[in-house]
Protein backbone atom coordinates (compact mmCIF):
# COMPACT_ATOMS: atom_id res chain seq x y z
CA UNK A 1 101.28 72.89 77.47
CA UNK A 2 97.75 73.97 78.20
CA UNK A 3 96.86 75.23 81.64
CA UNK A 4 94.54 73.14 83.79
CA UNK A 5 92.11 74.00 86.56
CA UNK A 6 91.77 70.92 88.74
CA UNK A 7 88.77 70.84 91.10
CA UNK A 8 89.13 69.14 94.47
CA UNK A 9 87.85 65.58 94.52
CA UNK A 10 88.13 65.13 90.73
CA UNK A 11 90.65 62.86 89.24
CA UNK A 12 108.06 90.09 70.27
CA UNK A 13 107.14 89.32 67.20
CA UNK A 14 104.17 90.00 65.04
CA UNK A 15 103.33 92.51 62.42
CA UNK A 16 103.67 96.21 63.07
CA UNK A 17 100.50 98.25 62.59
CA UNK A 18 99.85 101.86 63.45
CA UNK A 19 98.63 100.93 66.95
CA UNK A 20 101.74 98.87 67.67
CA UNK A 21 103.95 101.70 66.42
CA UNK A 22 102.19 104.21 68.68
CA UNK A 23 102.56 101.90 71.67
CA UNK A 24 106.26 101.46 70.96
CA UNK A 25 106.73 105.23 71.35
CA UNK A 26 105.30 105.17 74.90
CA UNK A 27 107.69 103.81 77.48
CA UNK A 28 108.37 104.02 81.23
CA UNK A 29 110.13 107.28 82.16
CA UNK A 30 112.60 107.06 85.06
CA UNK A 31 111.77 109.69 87.69
CA UNK A 32 114.17 108.83 90.48
CA UNK A 33 116.53 106.23 91.92
CA UNK A 34 116.60 105.45 95.65
CA UNK A 35 119.85 103.97 96.93
CA UNK A 36 121.39 103.16 100.28
CA UNK A 37 120.11 99.70 101.25
CA UNK A 38 122.78 97.21 102.31
CA UNK A 39 120.98 94.04 101.20
CA UNK A 40 118.27 92.83 98.81
CA UNK A 41 115.12 94.97 98.89
CA UNK A 42 112.21 92.56 99.29
CA UNK A 43 109.37 94.98 98.48
CA UNK A 44 108.46 98.64 98.12
CA UNK A 45 105.17 100.55 97.88
CA UNK A 46 104.21 104.11 96.92
CA UNK A 47 102.35 106.02 99.65
CA UNK A 48 99.19 107.41 97.98
CA UNK A 49 98.78 111.16 98.41
CA UNK A 50 102.41 111.61 99.49
CA UNK A 51 105.68 112.06 97.66
CA UNK A 52 106.97 109.01 99.45
CA UNK A 53 107.61 105.28 99.44
CA UNK A 54 107.94 102.47 101.97
CA UNK A 55 110.54 99.75 101.53
CA UNK A 56 111.50 96.61 103.43
CA UNK A 57 114.88 94.98 103.12
CA UNK A 58 116.74 91.80 104.06
CA UNK A 59 119.13 93.99 106.07
CA UNK A 60 116.37 94.11 108.76
CA UNK A 61 115.32 97.69 107.95
CA UNK A 62 112.00 99.34 107.18
CA UNK A 63 112.46 102.67 105.43
CA UNK A 64 110.00 105.45 104.68
CA UNK A 65 111.37 107.66 101.89
CA UNK A 66 110.15 111.23 101.39
CA UNK A 67 110.91 113.60 98.53
CA UNK A 68 113.02 116.57 99.62
CA UNK A 69 113.31 120.06 98.15
CA UNK A 70 116.33 118.89 96.17
CA UNK A 71 114.09 116.46 94.29
CA UNK A 72 115.81 113.45 95.84
CA UNK A 73 114.23 110.91 98.18
CA UNK A 74 115.76 110.42 101.63
CA UNK A 75 114.62 108.20 104.53
CA UNK A 76 112.48 109.94 107.14
CA UNK A 77 112.28 106.61 109.01
CA UNK A 78 114.78 103.76 109.22
CA UNK A 79 113.36 101.17 111.61
CA UNK A 80 115.44 98.10 112.48
CA UNK A 81 113.54 94.83 112.91
CA UNK A 82 114.58 91.65 114.78
CA UNK A 83 115.19 89.78 111.51
CA UNK A 84 115.24 90.37 107.77
CA UNK A 85 112.13 92.02 106.31
CA UNK A 86 110.79 89.78 103.57
CA UNK A 87 107.35 91.14 102.60
CA UNK A 88 104.97 94.02 103.33
CA UNK A 89 101.45 95.38 102.87
CA UNK A 90 100.34 98.99 103.39
CA UNK A 91 96.71 100.09 103.83
CA UNK A 92 96.45 103.84 103.01
CA UNK A 93 92.91 104.21 104.40
CA UNK A 94 94.01 103.36 107.95
CA UNK A 95 97.78 103.86 107.52
CA UNK A 96 98.37 100.33 108.83
CA UNK A 97 101.63 98.70 107.78
CA UNK A 98 102.19 94.93 107.97
CA UNK A 99 105.71 93.52 107.65
CA UNK A 100 106.62 89.86 107.22
CA UNK A 101 109.98 88.77 108.58
CA UNK A 102 112.58 86.06 108.10
CA UNK A 103 111.78 84.63 111.55
CA UNK A 104 108.12 84.00 110.61
CA UNK A 105 106.60 86.95 112.47
CA UNK A 106 104.17 89.44 110.93
CA UNK A 107 104.50 92.85 112.61
CA UNK A 108 101.79 95.50 112.49
CA UNK A 109 102.66 99.23 112.65
CA UNK A 110 100.79 102.50 112.31
CA UNK A 111 102.36 105.15 110.06
CA UNK A 112 102.10 108.70 111.43
CA UNK A 113 100.31 111.31 109.30
CA UNK A 114 103.59 113.20 108.77
CA UNK A 115 105.37 109.96 107.73
CA UNK A 116 108.07 110.55 110.36
CA UNK A 117 107.17 107.75 112.78
CA UNK A 118 105.81 104.19 112.79
CA UNK A 119 104.22 102.93 116.00
CA UNK A 120 104.21 99.20 116.85
CA UNK A 121 100.69 97.75 117.22
CA UNK A 122 100.73 93.93 117.24
CA UNK A 123 102.88 90.89 116.56
CA UNK A 124 101.42 87.84 114.80
CA UNK A 125 103.44 84.63 115.30
CA UNK A 126 102.09 83.29 112.04
CA UNK A 127 104.97 81.15 110.74
CA UNK A 128 108.12 79.29 111.72
CA UNK A 129 110.21 80.51 108.77
CA UNK A 130 110.43 83.26 106.14
CA UNK A 131 107.14 85.07 105.44
CA UNK A 132 106.82 85.27 101.65
CA UNK A 133 103.53 87.19 101.41
CA UNK A 134 101.22 89.23 103.63
CA UNK A 135 97.87 90.96 102.94
CA UNK A 136 95.54 92.91 105.21
CA UNK A 137 91.86 92.62 104.25
CA UNK A 138 90.38 95.83 105.65
CA UNK A 139 86.75 94.90 104.98
CA UNK A 140 86.91 91.89 107.30
CA UNK A 141 89.89 92.85 109.51
CA UNK A 142 91.89 89.77 108.49
CA UNK A 143 95.67 89.45 108.31
CA UNK A 144 96.60 86.83 105.71
CA UNK A 145 100.11 85.46 105.25
CA UNK A 146 102.08 82.64 103.63
CA UNK A 147 105.58 81.38 104.31
CA UNK A 148 108.31 78.91 103.52
CA UNK A 149 106.95 76.66 106.25
CA UNK A 150 104.31 75.68 103.64
CA UNK A 151 101.60 77.32 105.72
CA UNK A 152 98.80 79.79 105.01
CA UNK A 153 97.60 81.65 108.12
CA UNK A 154 94.67 83.94 108.86
CA UNK A 155 94.46 86.18 111.95
CA UNK A 156 91.92 88.67 113.25
CA UNK A 157 93.57 92.10 113.47
CA UNK A 158 91.18 93.28 116.18
CA UNK A 159 91.77 90.44 118.64
CA UNK A 160 95.09 89.06 117.39
CA UNK A 161 93.51 85.58 117.46
CA UNK A 162 94.31 82.99 114.81
CA UNK A 163 91.20 82.10 112.79
CA UNK A 164 92.58 79.26 110.73
CA UNK A 165 95.26 77.97 108.45
CA UNK A 166 96.10 75.52 105.68
CA UNK A 167 99.24 73.45 105.06
CA UNK A 168 100.61 72.77 101.57
CA UNK A 169 103.10 70.28 100.17
CA UNK A 170 105.50 72.94 98.86
CA UNK A 171 106.86 76.34 99.91
CA UNK A 172 104.29 79.10 99.57
CA UNK A 173 105.77 81.85 97.40
CA UNK A 174 103.08 84.50 96.82
CA UNK A 175 99.56 85.49 97.88
CA UNK A 176 96.50 87.35 96.54
CA UNK A 177 93.01 87.86 97.98
CA UNK A 178 89.53 88.58 96.61
CA UNK A 179 87.85 90.44 99.47
CA UNK A 180 84.36 90.25 97.95
CA UNK A 181 84.23 86.46 97.47
CA UNK A 182 86.60 85.76 100.41
CA UNK A 183 88.93 83.73 98.17
CA UNK A 184 92.67 83.50 98.74
CA UNK A 185 95.06 82.48 95.96
CA UNK A 186 98.41 80.96 96.99
CA UNK A 187 101.22 80.26 94.54
CA UNK A 188 103.83 77.70 95.53
CA UNK A 189 107.29 76.48 94.66
CA UNK A 190 105.97 73.48 92.71
CA UNK A 191 104.18 75.73 90.20
CA UNK A 192 100.63 75.22 91.46
CA UNK A 193 98.12 77.83 92.62
CA UNK A 194 95.63 76.89 95.33
CA UNK A 195 92.28 78.64 95.75
CA UNK A 196 91.04 78.75 99.36
CA UNK A 197 87.60 79.80 100.60
CA UNK A 198 87.79 81.73 103.88
CA UNK A 199 85.15 82.40 106.51
CA UNK A 200 84.92 82.71 110.28
CA UNK A 201 84.66 78.92 110.55
CA UNK A 202 88.02 78.26 108.94
CA UNK A 203 89.68 77.58 105.60
CA UNK A 204 88.58 75.24 102.80
CA UNK A 205 90.43 74.23 99.63
CA UNK A 206 88.27 74.94 96.58
CA UNK A 207 90.44 74.27 93.55
CA UNK A 208 93.99 73.78 92.34
CA UNK A 209 95.19 75.65 89.24
CA UNK A 210 97.87 73.85 87.27
CA UNK A 211 99.72 75.24 84.28
CA UNK A 212 103.23 76.38 85.26
CA UNK A 213 106.29 74.17 85.01
CA UNK A 214 108.29 76.37 87.40
CA UNK A 215 107.84 78.11 90.73
CA UNK A 216 105.04 80.71 90.84
CA UNK A 217 106.82 83.97 91.65
CA UNK A 218 104.07 86.59 91.25
CA UNK A 219 100.28 86.83 91.44
CA UNK A 220 97.93 89.75 90.90
CA UNK A 221 94.14 89.85 91.08
CA UNK A 222 91.82 91.94 88.89
CA UNK A 223 88.53 92.09 90.84
CA UNK A 224 86.24 93.64 88.21
CA UNK A 225 86.87 91.14 85.37
CA UNK A 226 87.67 88.46 88.03
CA UNK A 227 90.95 87.49 86.40
CA UNK A 228 93.94 86.03 88.21
CA UNK A 229 97.38 86.59 86.66
CA UNK A 230 100.30 84.34 87.61
CA UNK A 231 103.97 84.76 86.68
CA UNK A 232 106.50 81.97 86.99
CA UNK A 233 110.13 80.97 86.75
CA UNK A 234 109.10 79.14 83.53
CA UNK A 235 109.09 82.64 81.91
CA UNK A 236 105.33 82.63 81.28
CA UNK A 237 102.29 84.51 82.54
CA UNK A 238 98.97 82.66 82.74
CA UNK A 239 95.62 84.44 82.78
CA UNK A 240 93.00 82.49 84.75
CA UNK A 241 89.33 83.43 84.29
CA UNK A 242 87.83 82.90 87.73
CA UNK A 243 84.58 84.71 86.84
CA UNK A 244 81.87 83.93 84.30
CA UNK A 245 84.13 81.83 82.08
CA UNK A 246 85.34 79.72 85.01
CA UNK A 247 87.77 77.09 83.80
CA UNK A 248 89.37 78.96 80.90
CA UNK A 249 93.00 80.01 80.86
CA UNK A 250 95.51 81.28 78.35
CA UNK A 251 99.22 82.07 78.37
CA UNK A 252 101.20 85.26 77.76
CA UNK A 253 104.65 84.44 76.41
CA UNK A 254 106.95 87.40 75.85
CA UNK A 255 109.69 87.27 78.49
CA UNK A 256 112.99 85.47 78.02
CA UNK A 257 113.70 85.12 81.75
CA UNK A 258 111.89 84.42 85.03
CA UNK A 259 108.73 86.49 85.54
CA UNK A 260 109.17 88.18 88.93
CA UNK A 261 106.49 90.87 89.14
CA UNK A 262 102.92 91.60 88.01
CA UNK A 263 100.64 94.64 88.33
CA UNK A 264 97.20 95.24 86.81
CA UNK A 265 95.67 98.60 85.92
CA UNK A 266 91.88 98.33 86.14
CA UNK A 267 91.36 101.77 84.61
CA UNK A 268 93.26 101.07 81.40
CA UNK A 269 92.96 97.25 81.52
CA UNK A 270 96.67 96.81 81.05
CA UNK A 271 98.87 94.18 82.68
CA UNK A 272 102.45 95.10 83.55
CA UNK A 273 104.90 92.23 83.95
CA UNK A 274 108.57 92.22 84.90
CA UNK A 275 111.32 89.65 84.53
CA UNK A 276 114.70 88.91 86.08
CA UNK A 277 116.54 90.17 82.97
CA UNK A 278 115.31 93.73 83.60
CA UNK A 279 112.47 93.74 81.09
CA UNK A 280 109.01 95.21 81.71
CA UNK A 281 106.12 94.18 79.48
CA UNK A 282 102.80 95.97 79.02
CA UNK A 283 99.96 93.74 77.80
CA UNK A 284 96.68 94.95 76.32
CA UNK A 285 94.00 93.00 78.18
CA UNK A 286 91.14 94.56 76.19
CA UNK A 287 92.07 92.38 73.23
CA UNK A 288 90.06 89.24 72.55
CA UNK A 289 92.42 86.30 72.98
CA UNK A 290 92.30 82.63 72.10
CA UNK A 291 92.56 80.02 74.86
CA UNK A 292 95.67 77.85 74.91
CA UNK A 293 94.85 74.48 73.27
CA UNK A 294 95.36 71.20 75.10
CA UNK A 295 98.41 69.32 73.87
CA UNK A 296 97.37 66.10 72.18
CA UNK A 297 99.25 62.88 72.82
CA UNK A 298 99.66 60.34 70.03
CA UNK A 299 101.84 57.45 68.92
CA UNK A 300 102.29 58.84 65.41
CA UNK A 301 102.58 62.28 63.79
CA UNK A 302 99.14 63.72 63.07
CA UNK A 303 100.25 64.82 59.57
CA UNK A 304 102.69 62.26 58.12
CA UNK A 305 101.69 59.40 60.48
CA UNK A 306 105.28 58.34 61.08
CA UNK A 307 105.84 56.76 64.51
CA UNK A 308 107.30 58.51 67.51
CA UNK A 309 110.30 56.87 69.16
CA UNK A 310 108.29 55.06 71.87
CA UNK A 311 106.01 53.37 69.33
CA UNK A 312 108.09 50.21 68.94
CA UNK A 313 105.49 48.18 67.04
CA UNK A 314 104.99 50.85 64.35
CA UNK A 315 108.77 51.35 64.09
CA UNK A 316 109.20 47.64 63.34
CA UNK A 317 106.25 47.53 60.92
CA UNK A 318 107.46 50.59 59.00
CA UNK A 319 111.15 49.66 59.43
CA UNK A 320 112.27 53.11 60.48
CA UNK A 321 113.55 54.90 63.55
CA UNK A 322 111.04 56.70 65.69
CA UNK A 323 110.78 60.49 65.64
CA UNK A 324 110.67 63.01 68.48
CA UNK A 325 107.24 64.39 69.37
CA UNK A 326 106.50 68.14 69.17
CA UNK A 327 103.29 70.15 69.46
CA UNK A 328 101.78 72.85 67.26
CA UNK A 329 101.09 75.86 69.45
CA UNK A 330 98.00 76.81 67.43
CA UNK A 331 96.07 73.51 67.24
CA UNK A 332 97.88 71.45 69.89
CA UNK A 333 98.36 68.42 67.63
CA UNK A 334 101.34 66.11 68.10
CA UNK A 335 103.68 66.46 65.11
CA UNK A 336 107.22 65.59 64.12
CA UNK A 337 109.95 68.12 63.37
CA UNK A 338 109.64 67.67 59.59
CA UNK A 339 105.94 68.53 59.72
CA UNK A 340 106.49 71.64 61.88
CA UNK A 341 109.55 73.51 60.57
CA UNK A 342 107.87 76.96 60.58
CA UNK A 343 107.67 79.51 63.37
CA UNK A 344 105.14 82.33 63.74
CA UNK A 345 104.29 84.78 66.53
CA UNK A 346 100.72 84.27 67.77
CA UNK A 347 99.78 87.43 69.73
CA UNK A 348 96.11 86.47 69.89
CA UNK A 349 97.19 83.47 71.99
CA UNK A 350 99.69 85.52 74.00
CA UNK A 351 102.78 84.31 72.13
CA UNK A 352 104.84 87.38 71.24
CA UNK A 353 107.83 85.21 70.24
CA UNK A 354 107.72 82.99 67.13
CA UNK A 355 106.32 79.57 68.05
CA UNK A 356 106.34 76.12 66.45
CA UNK A 357 103.50 75.74 63.93
CA UNK A 358 102.54 72.62 62.00
CA UNK A 359 102.43 72.82 58.20
CA UNK A 360 98.63 72.78 58.09
CA UNK A 361 98.25 75.71 60.50
CA UNK A 362 101.11 77.60 58.85
CA UNK A 363 99.36 77.55 55.48
CA UNK A 364 96.23 78.92 57.15
CA UNK A 365 97.94 81.61 59.25
CA UNK A 366 100.89 82.81 57.20
CA UNK A 367 99.04 85.57 55.37
CA UNK A 368 96.86 86.74 58.29
CA UNK A 369 97.77 89.95 60.21
CA UNK A 370 99.46 89.32 63.54
CA UNK A 371 99.93 92.68 65.25
CA UNK A 372 101.70 92.60 68.59
CA UNK A 373 99.47 93.03 71.65
CA UNK A 374 102.31 93.91 74.04
CA UNK A 375 105.33 96.19 74.31
CA UNK A 376 108.58 95.47 76.16
CA UNK A 377 111.03 97.90 77.77
CA UNK A 378 114.46 97.63 79.40
CA UNK A 379 114.52 99.05 82.95
CA UNK A 380 118.19 98.13 83.45
CA UNK A 381 117.94 96.21 86.69
CA UNK A 382 116.84 92.68 87.57
CA UNK A 383 113.37 93.26 89.02
CA UNK A 384 112.50 91.59 92.33
CA UNK A 385 109.20 93.34 93.11
CA UNK A 386 106.83 95.91 91.54
CA UNK A 387 104.11 98.22 92.85
CA UNK A 388 101.73 100.31 90.72
CA UNK A 389 99.92 103.40 92.01
CA UNK A 390 97.11 103.87 89.52
CA UNK A 391 96.05 107.24 90.97
CA UNK A 392 99.36 108.83 89.96
CA UNK A 393 100.38 106.55 87.11
CA UNK A 394 103.63 105.73 88.87
CA UNK A 395 105.40 102.41 89.19
CA UNK A 396 108.18 101.48 91.59
CA UNK A 397 110.51 98.55 91.00
CA UNK A 398 113.07 96.98 93.30
CA UNK A 399 116.05 95.11 91.93
CA UNK A 400 118.88 92.76 92.80
CA UNK A 401 121.13 95.83 92.48
CA UNK A 402 119.62 97.02 95.83
CA UNK A 403 118.09 100.05 94.12
CA UNK A 404 114.47 101.27 94.03
CA UNK A 405 113.45 102.93 90.77
CA UNK A 406 110.41 105.19 90.44
CA UNK A 407 108.81 105.35 86.98
CA UNK A 408 106.15 107.43 85.25
CA UNK A 409 104.01 104.96 83.29
CA UNK A 410 100.85 107.00 82.57
CA UNK A 411 101.61 107.30 78.80
CA UNK A 412 102.26 103.57 78.63
CA UNK A 413 98.94 102.73 80.28
CA UNK A 414 97.04 105.26 78.16
CA UNK A 415 98.30 103.95 74.81
CA UNK A 416 96.39 101.25 72.97
CA UNK A 417 98.74 98.48 71.88
CA UNK A 418 96.57 97.16 69.06
């Protein structure tokens, strides 16, 4: 169904052109595999300017991995925390490291210049249960976090004082922040995304974004075009235009399992998505796309006018059993199965898989070119978390196999899909 932005207080398919063929030849190249963790790896990040990574794990460890002369990565630090490490955020400018834990605490550390030591700085008692997301906003010295206690918290990193918070009706699952507009985006277990306005006087709910039918698992923010990307357990990615075209949204449908990770490259304007079945998708966000239509509700099929099964009066008048209602993905009209037997990929709307099309739209679209606007690649582990370092063109993924994989993705980002 169509995505909805609800203000507060108000009620692979497709044709194969030369561009698609060129994009298919570019794929992530595996550089290295990092093994040795005893439990699920919650998150990992590449250290800019270093041949190193930071990882946090449910086995209570924080590891800093450095590349050795052998070409392999080995931990230079293995710090044990009081409880499982569930999320992290690293600020390369100040070398500050923030780690969310299972017990609800956010711990601040300082990473030494030689990456051989982390020094404890502060503890923020931000939550009463698992911290699911943490961000440090350097420009305003704020520590933002969300947790399974349904709470969003904001602390001042200079004083350690709590500045405010907001309580939701469902578990908070992921967090993003626009430092310029002071807007926080919180995805939750119910499938909604809440937009909060932050200032020194507290926290205010601005808007609720509705469109997912499953838990929101991943968010990423593109500050220049002011786009918010959300990935969900419903296998879809929704692109929300928070900028000049406020209120518009469209879907990206190409994964066949839960979407678990999102990264955006501002330089190439590509979106990288990952799913639980070990697939990574690369979406061309320079392409002009069509907004997802609203699904129309009706008592009869918009084409043959036969009644749907809840329309008892029409069923009796026409003396026939009611039909099941479906929707054309192109126009959004309510149609029956007989009037929508065809399937077509609709890349311009983000649908890389063949979708249900009514007979009227099929006759219009069947002969038009439909080149794919995304490529998909098997990374051979169920992705839990992703991190993209645009400066080096490298991507790290963590998986349920307790392995961190480091990828070279520069050719993938440089290739035009269409």
